[in-house]
C-alpha atoms as a PDB file:
ATOM      1  CA  MET A   1       0.000   0.000   0.000  1.00  0.00           C
ATOM      2  CA  ARG A   2       1.226   3.515  -0.788  1.00  0.00           C
ATOM      3  CA  ILE A   3       0.578   6.113   1.919  1.00  0.00           C
ATOM      4  CA  LEU A   4       1.133   9.867   1.592  1.00  0.00           C
ATOM      5  CA  LEU A   5       1.409  12.164   4.607  1.00  0.00           C
ATOM      6  CA  ASP A   6       0.261  15.744   4.055  1.00  0.00           C
ATOM      7  CA  GLU A   7       2.533  18.656   4.954  1.00  0.00           C
ATOM      8  CA  ASP A   8       0.494  19.392   8.087  1.00  0.00           C
ATOM      9  CA  VAL A   9       1.400  15.961   9.462  1.00  0.00           C
ATOM     10  CA  PRO A  10       4.685  16.244  11.387  1.00  0.00           C
ATOM     11  CA  VAL A  11       7.518  14.867   9.282  1.00  0.00           C
ATOM     12  CA  GLN A  12       8.880  13.252  12.464  1.00  0.00           C
ATOM     13  CA  VAL A  13       6.221  10.510  12.229  1.00  0.00           C
ATOM     14  CA  LEU A  14       7.534   9.328   8.862  1.00  0.00           C
ATOM     15  CA  ASP A  15      10.316   7.075  10.148  1.00  0.00           C
ATOM     16  CA  PRO A  16       8.244   5.469  12.934  1.00  0.00           C
ATOM     17  CA  LEU A  17       5.431   4.740  10.453  1.00  0.00           C
ATOM     18  CA  ARG A  18       7.868   3.229   7.997  1.00  0.00           C
ATOM     19  CA  HIS A  19       9.191   1.066  10.827  1.00  0.00           C
ATOM     20  CA  VAL A  20       5.802  -0.310  11.907  1.00  0.00           C
ATOM     21  CA  LEU A  21       4.167  -0.509   8.479  1.00  0.00           C
ATOM     22  CA  HIS A  22       6.423  -3.138   6.929  1.00  0.00           C
ATOM     23  CA  GLY A  23       5.690  -3.764   3.279  1.00  0.00           C
ATOM     24  CA  HIS A  24       4.042  -0.374   2.778  1.00  0.00           C
ATOM     25  CA  ASP A  25       5.475   2.704   1.084  1.00  0.00           C
ATOM     26  CA  VAL A  26       5.070   5.747   3.332  1.00  0.00           C
ATOM     27  CA  ASP A  27       6.067   9.149   1.941  1.00  0.00           C
ATOM     28  CA  HIS A  28       5.777  12.696   3.216  1.00  0.00           C
ATOM     29  CA  ILE A  29       4.781  15.568   0.970  1.00  0.00           C
ATOM     30  CA  ASP A  30       7.828  17.523   2.218  1.00  0.00           C
ATOM     31  CA  HIS A  31      10.005  15.069   0.297  1.00  0.00           C
ATOM     32  CA  LEU A  32       8.071  15.493  -2.939  1.00  0.00           C
ATOM     33  CA  THR A  33       7.774  18.461  -5.285  1.00  0.00           C
ATOM     34  CA  TRP A  34       4.128  18.938  -4.248  1.00  0.00           C
ATOM     35  CA  LYS A  35       4.770  20.928  -1.056  1.00  0.00           C
ATOM     36  CA  GLY A  36       2.796  24.185  -0.907  1.00  0.00           C
ATOM     37  CA  ARG A  37       0.306  23.171  -3.584  1.00  0.00           C
ATOM     38  CA  LYS A  38      -3.442  23.296  -3.109  1.00  0.00           C
ATOM     39  CA  ASP A  39      -4.946  20.119  -1.662  1.00  0.00           C
ATOM     40  CA  GLN A  40      -6.965  19.341  -4.779  1.00  0.00           C
ATOM     41  CA  VAL A  41      -3.791  19.433  -6.901  1.00  0.00           C
ATOM     42  CA  VAL A  42      -1.961  17.253  -4.388  1.00  0.00           C
ATOM     43  CA  LEU A  43      -4.820  14.751  -4.398  1.00  0.00           C
ATOM     44  CA  GLN A  44      -4.766  14.576  -8.209  1.00  0.00           C
ATOM     45  CA  HIS A  45      -1.008  13.946  -8.202  1.00  0.00           C
ATOM     46  CA  ALA A  46      -1.363  11.396  -5.402  1.00  0.00           C
ATOM     47  CA  ARG A  47      -4.067   9.516  -7.281  1.00  0.00           C
ATOM     48  CA  ALA A  48      -1.991   9.528 -10.479  1.00  0.00           C
ATOM     49  CA  SER A  49       1.018   8.273  -8.492  1.00  0.00           C
ATOM     50  CA  LYS A  50      -1.033   5.376  -7.107  1.00  0.00           C
ATOM     51  CA  TYR A  51      -1.170   6.523  -3.483  1.00  0.00           C
ATOM     52  CA  GLU A  52      -4.021   4.713  -1.774  1.00  0.00           C
ATOM     53  CA  VAL A  53      -4.099   6.600   1.550  1.00  0.00           C
ATOM     54  CA  PHE A  54      -3.745  10.329   2.189  1.00  0.00           C
ATOM     55  CA  VAL A  55      -3.211  11.306   5.835  1.00  0.00           C
ATOM     56  CA  THR A  56      -3.855  14.912   6.866  1.00  0.00           C
ATOM     57  CA  ASN A  57      -4.417  16.978   9.989  1.00  0.00           C
ATOM     58  CA  ASN A  58      -6.454  19.536   8.056  1.00  0.00           C
ATOM     59  CA  LEU A  59      -9.914  19.543   9.646  1.00  0.00           C
ATOM     60  CA  LYS A  60     -11.190  22.031   7.055  1.00  0.00           C
ATOM     61  CA  GLN A  61     -10.720  19.402   4.378  1.00  0.00           C
ATOM     62  CA  ARG A  62     -13.860  17.634   5.578  1.00  0.00           C
ATOM     63  CA  ASN A  63     -15.885  20.665   4.463  1.00  0.00           C
ATOM     64  CA  VAL A  64     -14.800  20.375   0.828  1.00  0.00           C
ATOM     65  CA  PRO A  65     -16.541  17.432  -0.880  1.00  0.00           C
ATOM     66  CA  GLU A  66     -13.929  17.259  -3.664  1.00  0.00           C
ATOM     67  CA  GLU A  67     -11.241  16.657  -1.048  1.00  0.00           C
ATOM     68  CA  CYS A  68     -13.033  13.969   0.945  1.00  0.00           C
END
């Protein structure tokens, strides 16, 4: 499974998640060229890159149907 952590998720959780989620690819948006882009653009890139899970701390995202 491919998992992408949004930029509002602390980058410090990346290594522990990679350690406990053996067999899964866990990336952080800070390590990609997508940092600072609008969420809808990030979600399009994530979908095209075959990410299956997008983890965010952005509570406002629940109010935008296109981002849910």
